């Protein structure tokens, strides 16, 4: 009888240990899943929702004066700027919190749309050098940067940011799909998307 009782106690202890380790392993798995999800969403990083084409004519002129400003030399160029601007969301700026018990990812903050990149193609017309004021490689680099800033200043009035703001829900739904791939849920019920001034490209 004592041997039988010992066997039962042994079985119960073994069962208890196995159940504990299974529970511990499950918690670790859930925690690993949450970390994986958070990293997966942020890895997407910059998500372009809108792109716009721009064609602008940019006048460049530079005057240098010599000999007590008695002689001036002017270089100038007419530049046709064709550009493509990409507007969207930097998903590395979102704020996410994992609720391991409910298997939920809480979306607490969603960033504003911003200009992610600008691609420019410059064509030069009526380019002329001055007598002692000639175009150099650094001038062309500066001209390219100025043209990019010129396009950037045009973006707020183009309506691209407003279109991107309307696409915010589509971006959140993309995140929801990523979360659902491993059986979790994205909770964005408390989210408020505020309207703020457009962030310029750095």
C-alpha atoms as a PDB file:
ATOM      1  CA  UNK A   1       0.000   0.000   0.000  1.00  0.00           C
ATOM      2  CA  UNK A   2       2.826   2.369   0.891  1.00  0.00           C
ATOM      3  CA  UNK A   3       4.571   1.596  -2.410  1.00  0.00           C
ATOM      4  CA  UNK A   4       1.342   2.330  -4.315  1.00  0.00           C
ATOM      5  CA  UNK A   5       0.916   5.621  -2.404  1.00  0.00           C
ATOM      6  CA  UNK A   6       4.551   6.512  -3.172  1.00  0.00           C
ATOM      7  CA  UNK A   7       3.969   5.885  -6.887  1.00  0.00           C
ATOM      8  CA  UNK A   8       0.863   8.154  -6.894  1.00  0.00           C
ATOM      9  CA  UNK A   9       2.726  10.945  -5.060  1.00  0.00           C
ATOM     10  CA  UNK A  10       5.660  10.547  -7.484  1.00  0.00           C
ATOM     11  CA  UNK A  11       3.305  10.769 -10.482  1.00  0.00           C
ATOM     12  CA  UNK A  12       1.592  13.873  -9.058  1.00  0.00           C
ATOM     13  CA  UNK A  13       4.932  15.596  -8.381  1.00  0.00           C
ATOM     14  CA  UNK A  14       6.168  14.750 -11.894  1.00  0.00           C
ATOM     15  CA  UNK A  15       2.898  16.020 -13.403  1.00  0.00           C
ATOM     16  CA  UNK A  16       3.198  19.247 -11.406  1.00  0.00           C
ATOM     17  CA  UNK A  17       6.795  19.821 -12.561  1.00  0.00           C
ATOM     18  CA  UNK A  18       5.893  19.119 -16.224  1.00  0.00           C
ATOM     19  CA  UNK A  19       2.865  21.484 -16.042  1.00  0.00           C
ATOM     20  CA  UNK A  20       5.001  24.238 -14.490  1.00  0.00           C
ATOM     21  CA  UNK A  21       7.693  23.966 -17.162  1.00  0.00           C
ATOM     22  CA  UNK A  22       5.097  23.909 -19.954  1.00  0.00           C
ATOM     23  CA  UNK A  23       3.480  27.049 -18.511  1.00  0.00           C
ATOM     24  CA  UNK A  24       6.877  28.743 -18.174  1.00  0.00           C
ATOM     25  CA  UNK A  25       7.807  27.771 -21.740  1.00  0.00           C
ATOM     26  CA  UNK A  26       4.482  29.111 -23.048  1.00  0.00           C
ATOM     27  CA  UNK A  27       5.040  32.465 -21.309  1.00  0.00           C
ATOM     28  CA  UNK A  28       8.510  32.679 -22.820  1.00  0.00           C
ATOM     29  CA  UNK A  29       7.075  31.904 -26.274  1.00  0.00           C
ATOM     30  CA  UNK A  30       4.406  34.622 -25.925  1.00  0.00           C
ATOM     31  CA  UNK A  31       7.035  37.118 -24.758  1.00  0.00           C
ATOM     32  CA  UNK A  32       9.295  36.190 -27.683  1.00  0.00           C
ATOM     33  CA  UNK A  33       6.354  36.595 -30.077  1.00  0.00           C
ATOM     34  CA  UNK A  34       5.647  40.110 -28.803  1.00  0.00           C
ATOM     35  CA  UNK A  35       9.292  41.170 -29.180  1.00  0.00           C
ATOM     36  CA  UNK A  36       9.359  39.649 -32.677  1.00  0.00           C
ATOM     37  CA  UNK A  37       6.188  41.546 -33.670  1.00  0.00           C
ATOM     38  CA  UNK A  38       7.425  44.903 -32.384  1.00  0.00           C
ATOM     39  CA  UNK A  39      10.712  44.474 -34.242  1.00  0.00           C
ATOM     40  CA  UNK A  40       8.947  43.262 -37.394  1.00  0.00           C
ATOM     41  CA  UNK A  41       6.703  46.332 -37.538  1.00  0.00           C
ATOM     42  CA  UNK A  42       9.558  48.754 -36.933  1.00  0.00           C
ATOM     43  CA  UNK A  43      11.735  46.975 -39.506  1.00  0.00           C
ATOM     44  CA  UNK A  44       9.274  48.117 -42.194  1.00  0.00           C
ATOM     45  CA  UNK A  45      10.481  51.546 -41.073  1.00  0.00           C
ATOM     46  CA  UNK A  46       9.709  54.107 -43.771  1.00  0.00           C
ATOM     47  CA  UNK A  47       6.411  53.376 -45.477  1.00  0.00           C
ATOM     48  CA  UNK A  48       5.649  55.485 -48.566  1.00  0.00           C
ATOM     49  CA  UNK A  49       1.938  56.125 -49.095  1.00  0.00           C
ATOM     50  CA  UNK A  50       1.995  58.963 -51.649  1.00  0.00           C
ATOM     51  CA  UNK A  51       4.341  60.119 -54.387  1.00  0.00           C
ATOM     52  CA  UNK A  52       4.143  63.286 -56.441  1.00  0.00           C
ATOM     53  CA  UNK A  53       5.838  64.562 -59.594  1.00  0.00           C
ATOM     54  CA  UNK A  54       7.095  68.133 -59.894  1.00  0.00           C
ATOM     55  CA  UNK A  55       8.424  70.106 -62.850  1.00  0.00           C
ATOM     56  CA  UNK A  56       9.813  73.535 -62.036  1.00  0.00           C
ATOM     57  CA  UNK A  57      11.936  76.151 -63.774  1.00  0.00           C
ATOM     58  CA  UNK A  58      14.640  77.508 -61.506  1.00  0.00           C
ATOM     59  CA  UNK A  59      16.698  80.608 -62.299  1.00  0.00           C
ATOM     60  CA  UNK A  60      20.233  80.598 -60.913  1.00  0.00           C
ATOM     61  CA  UNK A  61      22.419  83.693 -60.894  1.00  0.00           C
ATOM     62  CA  UNK A  62      25.655  84.530 -59.124  1.00  0.00           C
ATOM     63  CA  UNK A  63      27.535  87.854 -59.380  1.00  0.00           C
ATOM     64  CA  UNK A  64      31.079  88.454 -58.200  1.00  0.00           C
ATOM     65  CA  UNK A  65      32.645  91.899 -58.011  1.00  0.00           C
ATOM     66  CA  UNK A  66      36.320  92.783 -58.269  1.00  0.00           C
ATOM     67  CA  UNK A  67      38.532  95.870 -58.125  1.00  0.00           C
ATOM     68  CA  UNK A  68      36.561  97.813 -55.495  1.00  0.00           C
ATOM     69  CA  UNK A  69      33.283  96.707 -57.109  1.00  0.00           C
ATOM     70  CA  UNK A  70      34.176  98.476 -60.366  1.00  0.00           C
ATOM     71  CA  UNK A  71      34.011  95.243 -62.397  1.00  0.00           C
ATOM     72  CA  UNK A  72      31.387  92.540 -61.972  1.00  0.00           C
ATOM     73  CA  UNK A  73      31.203  89.081 -63.470  1.00  0.00           C
ATOM     74  CA  UNK A  74      27.986  87.083 -63.629  1.00  0.00           C
ATOM     75  CA  UNK A  75      27.364  83.401 -64.146  1.00  0.00           C
ATOM     76  CA  UNK A  76      23.828  82.204 -64.674  1.00  0.00           C
ATOM     77  CA  UNK A  77      21.775  79.201 -65.647  1.00  0.00           C
ATOM     78  CA  UNK A  78      18.190  78.304 -66.364  1.00  0.00           C
ATOM     79  CA  UNK A  79      17.474  74.980 -64.709  1.00  0.00           C
ATOM     80  CA  UNK A  80      14.520  72.722 -65.414  1.00  0.00           C
ATOM     81  CA  UNK A  81      13.946  70.596 -62.314  1.00  0.00           C
ATOM     82  CA  UNK A  82      12.055  67.329 -62.641  1.00  0.00           C
ATOM     83  CA  UNK A  83      11.490  65.775 -59.243  1.00  0.00           C
ATOM     84  CA  UNK A  84       9.627  63.002 -57.512  1.00  0.00           C
ATOM     85  CA  UNK A  85       8.695  63.462 -53.859  1.00  0.00           C
ATOM     86  CA  UNK A  86       7.838  60.537 -51.596  1.00  0.00           C
ATOM     87  CA  UNK A  87       5.593  61.206 -48.595  1.00  0.00           C
ATOM     88  CA  UNK A  88       4.692  58.666 -45.958  1.00  0.00           C
ATOM     89  CA  UNK A  89       5.335  57.463 -42.427  1.00  0.00           C
ATOM     90  CA  UNK A  90       8.463  56.648 -40.468  1.00  0.00           C
ATOM     91  CA  UNK A  91       7.255  53.575 -38.558  1.00  0.00           C
ATOM     92  CA  UNK A  92      10.309  53.648 -36.289  1.00  0.00           C
ATOM     93  CA  UNK A  93       8.574  56.580 -34.530  1.00  0.00           C
ATOM     94  CA  UNK A  94       5.443  54.675 -33.549  1.00  0.00           C
ATOM     95  CA  UNK A  95       4.853  53.751 -29.893  1.00  0.00           C
ATOM     96  CA  UNK A  96       3.783  50.146 -29.318  1.00  0.00           C
ATOM     97  CA  UNK A  97       3.196  48.226 -26.095  1.00  0.00           C
ATOM     98  CA  UNK A  98       2.715  44.454 -25.946  1.00  0.00           C
ATOM     99  CA  UNK A  99       0.081  42.923 -23.674  1.00  0.00           C
ATOM    100  CA  UNK A 100       1.326  39.341 -23.397  1.00  0.00           C
ATOM    101  CA  UNK A 101      -1.693  38.090 -21.442  1.00  0.00           C
ATOM    102  CA  UNK A 102      -4.231  39.211 -24.054  1.00  0.00           C
ATOM    103  CA  UNK A 103      -1.857  38.683 -27.009  1.00  0.00           C
ATOM    104  CA  UNK A 104      -2.473  42.276 -28.042  1.00  0.00           C
ATOM    105  CA  UNK A 105      -0.229  45.028 -29.380  1.00  0.00           C
ATOM    106  CA  UNK A 106      -1.403  48.442 -28.197  1.00  0.00           C
ATOM    107  CA  UNK A 107      -0.746  51.268 -30.653  1.00  0.00           C
ATOM    108  CA  UNK A 108      -0.309  54.338 -28.430  1.00  0.00           C
ATOM    109  CA  UNK A 109       1.189  56.871 -30.842  1.00  0.00           C
ATOM    110  CA  UNK A 110       1.229  57.158 -34.617  1.00  0.00           C
ATOM    111  CA  UNK A 111       3.557  59.678 -36.318  1.00  0.00           C
ATOM    112  CA  UNK A 112       2.628  62.452 -38.725  1.00  0.00           C
ATOM    113  CA  UNK A 113       3.255  61.996 -42.447  1.00  0.00           C
ATOM    114  CA  UNK A 114       6.522  63.504 -43.620  1.00  0.00           C
ATOM    115  CA  UNK A 115       8.645  63.917 -46.732  1.00  0.00           C
ATOM    116  CA  UNK A 116      10.737  60.745 -46.788  1.00  0.00           C
ATOM    117  CA  UNK A 117      12.822  61.508 -49.870  1.00  0.00           C
ATOM    118  CA  UNK A 118      13.069  63.690 -52.963  1.00  0.00           C
ATOM    119  CA  UNK A 119      14.622  62.497 -56.210  1.00  0.00           C
ATOM    120  CA  UNK A 120      15.661  65.285 -58.574  1.00  0.00           C
ATOM    121  CA  UNK A 121      16.833  65.405 -62.158  1.00  0.00           C
ATOM    122  CA  UNK A 122      18.277  68.726 -63.372  1.00  0.00           C
ATOM    123  CA  UNK A 123      18.603  69.899 -66.963  1.00  0.00           C
ATOM    124  CA  UNK A 124      20.637  73.046 -67.575  1.00  0.00           C
ATOM    125  CA  UNK A 125      19.727  75.597 -70.248  1.00  0.00           C
ATOM    126  CA  UNK A 126      21.230  78.979 -71.056  1.00  0.00           C
ATOM    127  CA  UNK A 127      24.209  78.198 -68.833  1.00  0.00           C
ATOM    128  CA  UNK A 128      26.888  80.883 -69.121  1.00  0.00           C
ATOM    129  CA  UNK A 129      30.090  81.676 -67.230  1.00  0.00           C
ATOM    130  CA  UNK A 130      31.352  85.118 -66.299  1.00  0.00           C
ATOM    131  CA  UNK A 131      34.823  86.373 -67.164  1.00  0.00           C
ATOM    132  CA  UNK A 132      36.266  85.489 -63.757  1.00  0.00           C
ATOM    133  CA  UNK A 133      33.221  83.744 -62.330  1.00  0.00           C
ATOM    134  CA  UNK A 134      32.938  80.254 -63.835  1.00  0.00           C
ATOM    135  CA  UNK A 135      30.824  77.243 -62.926  1.00  0.00           C
ATOM    136  CA  UNK A 136      32.684  74.653 -60.877  1.00  0.00           C
ATOM    137  CA  UNK A 137      31.739  71.220 -59.491  1.00  0.00           C
ATOM    138  CA  UNK A 138      30.859  72.709 -56.084  1.00  0.00           C
ATOM    139  CA  UNK A 139      28.509  75.207 -57.768  1.00  0.00           C
ATOM    140  CA  UNK A 140      26.596  72.376 -59.433  1.00  0.00           C
ATOM    141  CA  UNK A 141      26.324  70.531 -56.106  1.00  0.00           C
ATOM    142  CA  UNK A 142      25.001  73.683 -54.408  1.00  0.00           C
ATOM    143  CA  UNK A 143      22.614  74.246 -57.296  1.00  0.00           C
ATOM    144  CA  UNK A 144      21.304  70.701 -56.942  1.00  0.00           C
ATOM    145  CA  UNK A 145      20.714  71.223 -53.200  1.00  0.00           C
ATOM    146  CA  UNK A 146      18.974  74.554 -53.805  1.00  0.00           C
ATOM    147  CA  UNK A 147      16.725  72.945 -56.410  1.00  0.00           C
ATOM    148  CA  UNK A 148      15.815  70.214 -53.908  1.00  0.00           C
ATOM    149  CA  UNK A 149      14.912  72.837 -51.286  1.00  0.00           C
ATOM    150  CA  UNK A 150      12.867  74.684 -53.916  1.00  0.00           C
ATOM    151  CA  UNK A 151      10.841  71.505 -54.552  1.00  0.00           C
ATOM    152  CA  UNK A 152      10.525  70.834 -50.821  1.00  0.00           C
ATOM    153  CA  UNK A 153       8.959  74.261 -50.307  1.00  0.00           C
ATOM    154  CA  UNK A 154       6.369  73.383 -52.961  1.00  0.00           C
ATOM    155  CA  UNK A 155       5.246  70.170 -51.245  1.00  0.00           C
ATOM    156  CA  UNK A 156       2.964  71.669 -48.528  1.00  0.00           C
ATOM    157  CA  UNK A 157       0.823  73.460 -51.130  1.00  0.00           C
ATOM    158  CA  UNK A 158       0.703  70.382 -53.391  1.00  0.00           C
ATOM    159  CA  UNK A 159      -1.748  68.499 -51.159  1.00  0.00           C
ATOM    160  CA  UNK A 160       0.513  65.428 -50.831  1.00  0.00           C
ATOM    161  CA  UNK A 161       0.636  65.653 -47.028  1.00  0.00           C
ATOM    162  CA  UNK A 162      -3.156  65.826 -46.783  1.00  0.00           C
ATOM    163  CA  UNK A 163      -3.485  62.783 -49.050  1.00  0.00           C
ATOM    164  CA  UNK A 164      -0.950  60.904 -46.905  1.00  0.00           C
ATOM    165  CA  UNK A 165      -2.931  61.773 -43.750  1.00  0.00           C
ATOM    166  CA  UNK A 166      -5.992  60.126 -45.301  1.00  0.00           C
ATOM    167  CA  UNK A 167      -3.862  57.033 -45.925  1.00  0.00           C
ATOM    168  CA  UNK A 168      -2.989  56.724 -42.216  1.00  0.00           C
ATOM    169  CA  UNK A 169      -5.709  54.127 -41.632  1.00  0.00           C
ATOM    170  CA  UNK A 170      -4.390  52.046 -44.548  1.00  0.00           C
ATOM    171  CA  UNK A 171      -0.956  52.070 -42.911  1.00  0.00           C
ATOM    172  CA  UNK A 172      -2.440  50.971 -39.574  1.00  0.00           C
ATOM    173  CA  UNK A 173      -4.347  48.168 -41.327  1.00  0.00           C
ATOM    174  CA  UNK A 174      -1.054  46.998 -42.854  1.00  0.00           C
ATOM    175  CA  UNK A 175       0.397  46.830 -39.339  1.00  0.00           C
ATOM    176  CA  UNK A 176      -2.706  44.921 -38.203  1.00  0.00           C
ATOM    177  CA  UNK A 177      -2.117  42.344 -40.949  1.00  0.00           C
ATOM    178  CA  UNK A 178       1.502  41.885 -39.808  1.00  0.00           C
ATOM    179  CA  UNK A 179       0.324  41.367 -36.211  1.00  0.00           C
ATOM    180  CA  UNK A 180      -2.399  38.873 -37.209  1.00  0.00           C
ATOM    181  CA  UNK A 181       0.095  36.636 -39.031  1.00  0.00           C
ATOM    182  CA  UNK A 182       0.977  34.963 -35.703  1.00  0.00           C
ATOM    183  CA  UNK A 183      -2.456  35.160 -34.091  1.00  0.00           C
ATOM    184  CA  UNK A 184      -2.112  38.425 -32.202  1.00  0.00           C
ATOM    185  CA  UNK A 185      -4.409  41.475 -32.303  1.00  0.00           C
ATOM    186  CA  UNK A 186      -3.610  45.153 -32.878  1.00  0.00           C
ATOM    187  CA  UNK A 187      -5.548  47.529 -30.633  1.00  0.00           C
ATOM    188  CA  UNK A 188      -5.652  51.099 -31.991  1.00  0.00           C
ATOM    189  CA  UNK A 189      -9.029  52.089 -30.488  1.00  0.00           C
ATOM    190  CA  UNK A 190      -7.517  54.820 -28.260  1.00  0.00           C
ATOM    191  CA  UNK A 191      -5.391  56.303 -31.052  1.00  0.00           C
ATOM    192  CA  UNK A 192      -5.737  59.978 -31.966  1.00  0.00           C
ATOM    193  CA  UNK A 193      -3.990  61.231 -35.102  1.00  0.00           C
ATOM    194  CA  UNK A 194      -3.214  64.893 -34.567  1.00  0.00           C
ATOM    195  CA  UNK A 195      -2.694  67.370 -37.358  1.00  0.00           C
ATOM    196  CA  UNK A 196       0.645  69.131 -37.078  1.00  0.00           C
ATOM    197  CA  UNK A 197       2.801  71.212 -39.430  1.00  0.00           C
ATOM    198  CA  UNK A 198       4.652  69.330 -42.151  1.00  0.00           C
ATOM    199  CA  UNK A 199       8.079  68.061 -41.154  1.00  0.00           C
ATOM    200  CA  UNK A 200      10.791  69.017 -43.625  1.00  0.00           C
ATOM    201  CA  UNK A 201      13.285  66.538 -45.026  1.00  0.00           C
ATOM    202  CA  UNK A 202      16.600  66.663 -43.183  1.00  0.00           C
END
